[in-house]
C-alpha atoms as a PDB file:
ATOM      1  CA  UNK A   1      59.784 123.450  58.878  1.00  0.00           C
ATOM      2  CA  UNK A   2      61.233 122.994  62.387  1.00  0.00           C
ATOM      3  CA  UNK A   3      64.225 125.185  61.525  1.00  0.00           C
ATOM      4  CA  UNK A   4      62.025 128.071  60.332  1.00  0.00           C
ATOM      5  CA  UNK A   5      58.605 127.753  62.011  1.00  0.00           C
ATOM      6  CA  UNK A   6      57.723 131.329  60.998  1.00  0.00           C
ATOM      7  CA  UNK A   7      58.655 131.064  57.300  1.00  0.00           C
ATOM      8  CA  UNK A   8      56.497 130.484  54.215  1.00  0.00           C
ATOM      9  CA  UNK A   9      58.318 129.344  51.076  1.00  0.00           C
ATOM     10  CA  UNK A  10      56.742 130.128  47.698  1.00  0.00           C
ATOM     11  CA  UNK A  11      57.506 129.130  44.157  1.00  0.00           C
ATOM     12  CA  UNK A  12      58.234 131.643  41.429  1.00  0.00           C
ATOM     13  CA  UNK A  13      55.060 132.974  39.805  1.00  0.00           C
ATOM     14  CA  UNK A  14      55.929 131.642  36.334  1.00  0.00           C
ATOM     15  CA  UNK A  15      57.772 128.508  37.459  1.00  0.00           C
ATOM     16  CA  UNK A  16      55.879 126.478  40.098  1.00  0.00           C
ATOM     17  CA  UNK A  17      58.757 124.028  40.624  1.00  0.00           C
ATOM     18  CA  UNK A  18      61.357 126.689  41.419  1.00  0.00           C
ATOM     19  CA  UNK A  19      61.619 127.848  45.051  1.00  0.00           C
ATOM     20  CA  UNK A  20      64.231 130.625  45.071  1.00  0.00           C
ATOM     21  CA  UNK A  21      65.769 131.811  48.305  1.00  0.00           C
ATOM     22  CA  UNK A  22      64.466 135.325  47.579  1.00  0.00           C
ATOM     23  CA  UNK A  23      60.804 134.279  47.839  1.00  0.00           C
ATOM     24  CA  UNK A  24      60.176 133.340  51.466  1.00  0.00           C
ATOM     25  CA  UNK A  25      57.904 135.424  53.626  1.00  0.00           C
ATOM     26  CA  UNK A  26      58.591 135.487  57.318  1.00  0.00           C
ATOM     27  CA  UNK A  27      56.031 136.272  59.984  1.00  0.00           C
ATOM     28  CA  UNK A  28      57.546 137.979  63.035  1.00  0.00           C
ATOM     29  CA  UNK A  29      59.950 135.444  64.600  1.00  0.00           C
ATOM     30  CA  UNK A  30      58.629 135.571  68.143  1.00  0.00           C
ATOM     31  CA  UNK A  31      58.356 131.814  68.730  1.00  0.00           C
ATOM     32  CA  UNK A  32      54.725 131.633  67.581  1.00  0.00           C
ATOM     33  CA  UNK A  33      54.857 128.961  64.860  1.00  0.00           C
ATOM     34  CA  UNK A  34      52.541 128.779  61.856  1.00  0.00           C
ATOM     35  CA  UNK A  35      49.645 126.369  62.458  1.00  0.00           C
ATOM     36  CA  UNK A  36      47.438 126.911  59.388  1.00  0.00           C
ATOM     37  CA  UNK A  37      47.257 128.449  55.910  1.00  0.00           C
ATOM     38  CA  UNK A  38      44.104 129.203  53.921  1.00  0.00           C
ATOM     39  CA  UNK A  39      43.401 131.204  50.776  1.00  0.00           C
ATOM     40  CA  UNK A  40      40.560 133.571  51.587  1.00  0.00           C
ATOM     41  CA  UNK A  41      39.472 136.231  49.138  1.00  0.00           C
ATOM     42  CA  UNK A  42      42.561 137.815  47.614  1.00  0.00           C
ATOM     43  CA  UNK A  43      44.839 136.919  50.523  1.00  0.00           C
ATOM     44  CA  UNK A  44      46.572 133.993  52.133  1.00  0.00           C
ATOM     45  CA  UNK A  45      45.517 133.841  55.782  1.00  0.00           C
ATOM     46  CA  UNK A  46      48.344 132.667  58.018  1.00  0.00           C
ATOM     47  CA  UNK A  47      47.171 131.255  61.323  1.00  0.00           C
ATOM     48  CA  UNK A  48      49.534 130.947  64.233  1.00  0.00           C
ATOM     49  CA  UNK A  49      48.870 129.893  67.815  1.00  0.00           C
ATOM     50  CA  UNK A  50      48.452 133.413  69.169  1.00  0.00           C
ATOM     51  CA  UNK A  51      48.144 135.624  66.088  1.00  0.00           C
ATOM     52  CA  UNK A  52      46.987 135.778  62.476  1.00  0.00           C
ATOM     53  CA  UNK A  53      48.338 137.479  59.370  1.00  0.00           C
ATOM     54  CA  UNK A  54      47.157 138.090  55.810  1.00  0.00           C
ATOM     55  CA  UNK A  55      49.562 137.966  52.866  1.00  0.00           C
ATOM     56  CA  UNK A  56      48.563 140.150  49.915  1.00  0.00           C
ATOM     57  CA  UNK A  57      50.157 140.613  46.515  1.00  0.00           C
ATOM     58  CA  UNK A  58      51.024 138.646  43.397  1.00  0.00           C
ATOM     59  CA  UNK A  59      54.793 138.714  43.065  1.00  0.00           C
ATOM     60  CA  UNK A  60      58.102 139.149  44.821  1.00  0.00           C
ATOM     61  CA  UNK A  61      59.238 141.550  42.138  1.00  0.00           C
ATOM     62  CA  UNK A  62      59.522 145.254  42.951  1.00  0.00           C
ATOM     63  CA  UNK A  63      56.114 146.391  41.675  1.00  0.00           C
ATOM     64  CA  UNK A  64      52.878 147.754  43.115  1.00  0.00           C
ATOM     65  CA  UNK A  65      51.655 144.138  43.373  1.00  0.00           C
ATOM     66  CA  UNK A  66      54.578 142.955  45.524  1.00  0.00           C
ATOM     67  CA  UNK A  67      53.812 140.720  48.492  1.00  0.00           C
ATOM     68  CA  UNK A  68      53.060 142.459  51.768  1.00  0.00           C
ATOM     69  CA  UNK A  69      52.173 141.008  55.147  1.00  0.00           C
ATOM     70  CA  UNK A  70      49.473 142.508  57.374  1.00  0.00           C
ATOM     71  CA  UNK A  71      48.705 141.504  60.956  1.00  0.00           C
ATOM     72  CA  UNK A  72      45.021 140.732  61.485  1.00  0.00           C
ATOM     73  CA  UNK A  73      43.515 142.474  64.462  1.00  0.00           C
ATOM     74  CA  UNK A  74      42.541 139.500  66.647  1.00  0.00           C
ATOM     75  CA  UNK A  75      43.581 138.289  70.088  1.00  0.00           C
ATOM     76  CA  UNK A  76      43.972 134.603  69.229  1.00  0.00           C
ATOM     77  CA  UNK A  77      45.227 132.367  66.472  1.00  0.00           C
ATOM     78  CA  UNK A  78      44.165 129.077  64.899  1.00  0.00           C
ATOM     79  CA  UNK A  79      44.484 125.879  66.885  1.00  0.00           C
ATOM     80  CA  UNK A  80      45.590 123.655  63.947  1.00  0.00           C
ATOM     81  CA  UNK A  81      45.501 123.287  60.163  1.00  0.00           C
ATOM     82  CA  UNK A  82      42.298 121.184  60.224  1.00  0.00           C
ATOM     83  CA  UNK A  83      40.204 123.978  61.750  1.00  0.00           C
ATOM     84  CA  UNK A  84      39.831 126.586  59.000  1.00  0.00           C
ATOM     85  CA  UNK A  85      36.872 126.527  56.605  1.00  0.00           C
ATOM     86  CA  UNK A  86      35.348 129.015  54.217  1.00  0.00           C
ATOM     87  CA  UNK A  87      31.659 129.233  55.085  1.00  0.00           C
ATOM     88  CA  UNK A  88      29.675 131.415  52.685  1.00  0.00           C
ATOM     89  CA  UNK A  89      31.586 134.734  52.804  1.00  0.00           C
ATOM     90  CA  UNK A  90      33.369 134.075  56.096  1.00  0.00           C
ATOM     91  CA  UNK A  91      36.388 132.192  57.352  1.00  0.00           C
ATOM     92  CA  UNK A  92      35.318 130.005  60.297  1.00  0.00           C
ATOM     93  CA  UNK A  93      37.993 128.686  62.645  1.00  0.00           C
ATOM     94  CA  UNK A  94      38.674 127.199  66.056  1.00  0.00           C
ATOM     95  CA  UNK A  95      40.714 129.656  68.069  1.00  0.00           C
ATOM     96  CA  UNK A  96      43.559 128.720  70.369  1.00  0.00           C
ATOM     97  CA  UNK A  97      41.554 130.223  73.232  1.00  0.00           C
ATOM     98  CA  UNK A  98      38.925 127.418  72.906  1.00  0.00           C
ATOM     99  CA  UNK A  99      36.360 129.568  71.112  1.00  0.00           C
ATOM    100  CA  UNK A 100      34.841 129.386  67.647  1.00  0.00           C
ATOM    101  CA  UNK A 101      35.123 132.395  65.338  1.00  0.00           C
ATOM    102  CA  UNK A 102      34.066 133.764  61.998  1.00  0.00           C
ATOM    103  CA  UNK A 103      36.152 136.327  60.157  1.00  0.00           C
ATOM    104  CA  UNK A 104      34.716 138.679  57.563  1.00  0.00           C
ATOM    105  CA  UNK A 105      36.412 139.096  54.213  1.00  0.00           C
ATOM    106  CA  UNK A 106      40.060 139.992  54.371  1.00  0.00           C
ATOM    107  CA  UNK A 107      40.824 142.928  52.121  1.00  0.00           C
ATOM    108  CA  UNK A 108      43.775 145.224  51.763  1.00  0.00           C
ATOM    109  CA  UNK A 109      41.920 147.681  53.992  1.00  0.00           C
ATOM    110  CA  UNK A 110      42.856 146.181  57.359  1.00  0.00           C
ATOM    111  CA  UNK A 111      40.329 148.360  59.159  1.00  0.00           C
ATOM    112  CA  UNK A 112      37.521 146.127  57.839  1.00  0.00           C
ATOM    113  CA  UNK A 113      38.966 142.834  59.110  1.00  0.00           C
ATOM    114  CA  UNK A 114      36.585 141.653  61.773  1.00  0.00           C
ATOM    115  CA  UNK A 115      36.341 138.475  63.815  1.00  0.00           C
ATOM    116  CA  UNK A 116      33.230 137.541  65.753  1.00  0.00           C
ATOM    117  CA  UNK A 117      32.885 134.832  68.373  1.00  0.00           C
ATOM    118  CA  UNK A 118      30.266 132.223  67.454  1.00  0.00           C
ATOM    119  CA  UNK A 119      29.901 130.602  70.885  1.00  0.00           C
ATOM    120  CA  UNK A 120      29.033 133.678  72.944  1.00  0.00           C
ATOM    121  CA  UNK A 121      26.815 131.770  75.373  1.00  0.00           C
ATOM    122  CA  UNK A 122      28.908 128.607  75.769  1.00  0.00           C
ATOM    123  CA  UNK A 123      32.285 128.156  77.427  1.00  0.00           C
ATOM    124  CA  UNK A 124      33.861 125.066  75.863  1.00  0.00           C
ATOM    125  CA  UNK A 125      35.828 124.255  79.033  1.00  0.00           C
ATOM    126  CA  UNK A 126      32.804 124.342  81.373  1.00  0.00           C
ATOM    127  CA  UNK A 127      29.673 122.168  81.660  1.00  0.00           C
ATOM    128  CA  UNK A 128      27.910 120.841  79.706  1.00  0.00           C
ATOM    129  CA  UNK A 129      30.789 120.465  77.197  1.00  0.00           C
ATOM    130  CA  UNK A 130      33.786 120.155  79.596  1.00  0.00           C
ATOM    131  CA  UNK A 131      36.333 120.147  76.779  1.00  0.00           C
ATOM    132  CA  UNK A 132      39.971 119.638  77.655  1.00  0.00           C
ATOM    133  CA  UNK A 133      42.956 121.375  76.103  1.00  0.00           C
ATOM    134  CA  UNK A 134      43.680 118.069  74.313  1.00  0.00           C
ATOM    135  CA  UNK A 135      40.180 118.038  72.752  1.00  0.00           C
ATOM    136  CA  UNK A 136      40.579 121.597  71.527  1.00  0.00           C
ATOM    137  CA  UNK A 137      44.124 121.124  70.175  1.00  0.00           C
ATOM    138  CA  UNK A 138      42.950 118.049  68.222  1.00  0.00           C
ATOM    139  CA  UNK A 139      39.723 119.550  66.889  1.00  0.00           C
ATOM    140  CA  UNK A 140      38.849 119.284  63.239  1.00  0.00           C
ATOM    141  CA  UNK A 141      36.129 120.900  61.170  1.00  0.00           C
ATOM    142  CA  UNK A 142      34.233 120.516  57.927  1.00  0.00           C
ATOM    143  CA  UNK A 143      31.790 122.736  56.054  1.00  0.00           C
ATOM    144  CA  UNK A 144      28.876 120.943  54.401  1.00  0.00           C
ATOM    145  CA  UNK A 145      27.884 123.542  51.816  1.00  0.00           C
ATOM    146  CA  UNK A 146      24.837 121.582  50.656  1.00  0.00           C
ATOM    147  CA  UNK A 147      23.192 121.701  54.089  1.00  0.00           C
ATOM    148  CA  UNK A 148      24.798 124.957  55.224  1.00  0.00           C
ATOM    149  CA  UNK A 149      26.359 123.287  58.276  1.00  0.00           C
ATOM    150  CA  UNK A 150      29.791 123.737  59.831  1.00  0.00           C
ATOM    151  CA  UNK A 151      30.830 120.626  61.752  1.00  0.00           C
ATOM    152  CA  UNK A 152      33.273 120.947  64.637  1.00  0.00           C
ATOM    153  CA  UNK A 153      34.579 117.716  66.150  1.00  0.00           C
ATOM    154  CA  UNK A 154      35.781 118.099  69.753  1.00  0.00           C
ATOM    155  CA  UNK A 155      36.530 114.700  71.299  1.00  0.00           C
ATOM    156  CA  UNK A 156      33.324 112.678  71.285  1.00  0.00           C
ATOM    157  CA  UNK A 157      31.130 115.721  70.673  1.00  0.00           C
ATOM    158  CA  UNK A 158      30.142 117.059  67.278  1.00  0.00           C
ATOM    159  CA  UNK A 159      28.999 120.656  67.292  1.00  0.00           C
ATOM    160  CA  UNK A 160      27.035 121.532  64.169  1.00  0.00           C
ATOM    161  CA  UNK A 161      26.572 125.208  63.350  1.00  0.00           C
ATOM    162  CA  UNK A 162      23.671 125.891  60.995  1.00  0.00           C
ATOM    163  CA  UNK A 163      24.470 128.961  58.927  1.00  0.00           C
ATOM    164  CA  UNK A 164      20.811 129.802  58.211  1.00  0.00           C
ATOM    165  CA  UNK A 165      19.717 129.606  61.853  1.00  0.00           C
ATOM    166  CA  UNK A 166      23.048 130.863  63.269  1.00  0.00           C
ATOM    167  CA  UNK A 167      22.865 128.278  66.027  1.00  0.00           C
ATOM    168  CA  UNK A 168      24.677 125.143  67.211  1.00  0.00           C
ATOM    169  CA  UNK A 169      23.371 121.619  67.744  1.00  0.00           C
ATOM    170  CA  UNK A 170      25.379 119.170  69.819  1.00  0.00           C
ATOM    171  CA  UNK A 171      25.681 115.505  68.861  1.00  0.00           C
ATOM    172  CA  UNK A 172      27.264 113.319  71.515  1.00  0.00           C
ATOM    173  CA  UNK A 173      28.907 109.911  71.269  1.00  0.00           C
ATOM    174  CA  UNK A 174      29.814 109.944  67.568  1.00  0.00           C
ATOM    175  CA  UNK A 175      33.450 110.782  67.071  1.00  0.00           C
ATOM    176  CA  UNK A 176      34.162 111.648  63.450  1.00  0.00           C
ATOM    177  CA  UNK A 177      37.784 110.677  63.051  1.00  0.00           C
ATOM    178  CA  UNK A 178      38.190 112.219  59.616  1.00  0.00           C
ATOM    179  CA  UNK A 179      36.197 114.820  57.760  1.00  0.00           C
ATOM    180  CA  UNK A 180      36.726 114.870  54.026  1.00  0.00           C
ATOM    181  CA  UNK A 181      37.040 118.212  52.270  1.00  0.00           C
END
């Protein structure tokens, strides 16, 4: 919502068509708008341009299972809503800093939340890739679970990460305009 770019509206737990005013969750209103949402483990991961949060809990009622928001310890957020995929036991995403990441399972113990950069040896903005900010902002991804491959489309390049080999292959000149999930 343009009026509340930091707000998540949820339906009542027993009535999915009822969105009461008492149920929104607001990430810190610092101008960093929400770019992506993904259920991962027992949390809802909230990606923003420069930060990420995890929402835990089952209800807005005053119980031990009430919703609570935790900031994920990472220096970047998610570039857009088409760049988050669950790959095996990780959450893979394209970061706003033009890098590719995997996040280990989000749990209520925030000390165990870990992100690791997948493209340690390659700078997306330098040769041979030479990706522009436009390419990165318009990236989209897809996880092919049958082949164990995470596809990242950046302009006319397709980067394919093989989970078993933990390595990328670059395909050039085939722009996948839409990846079906």
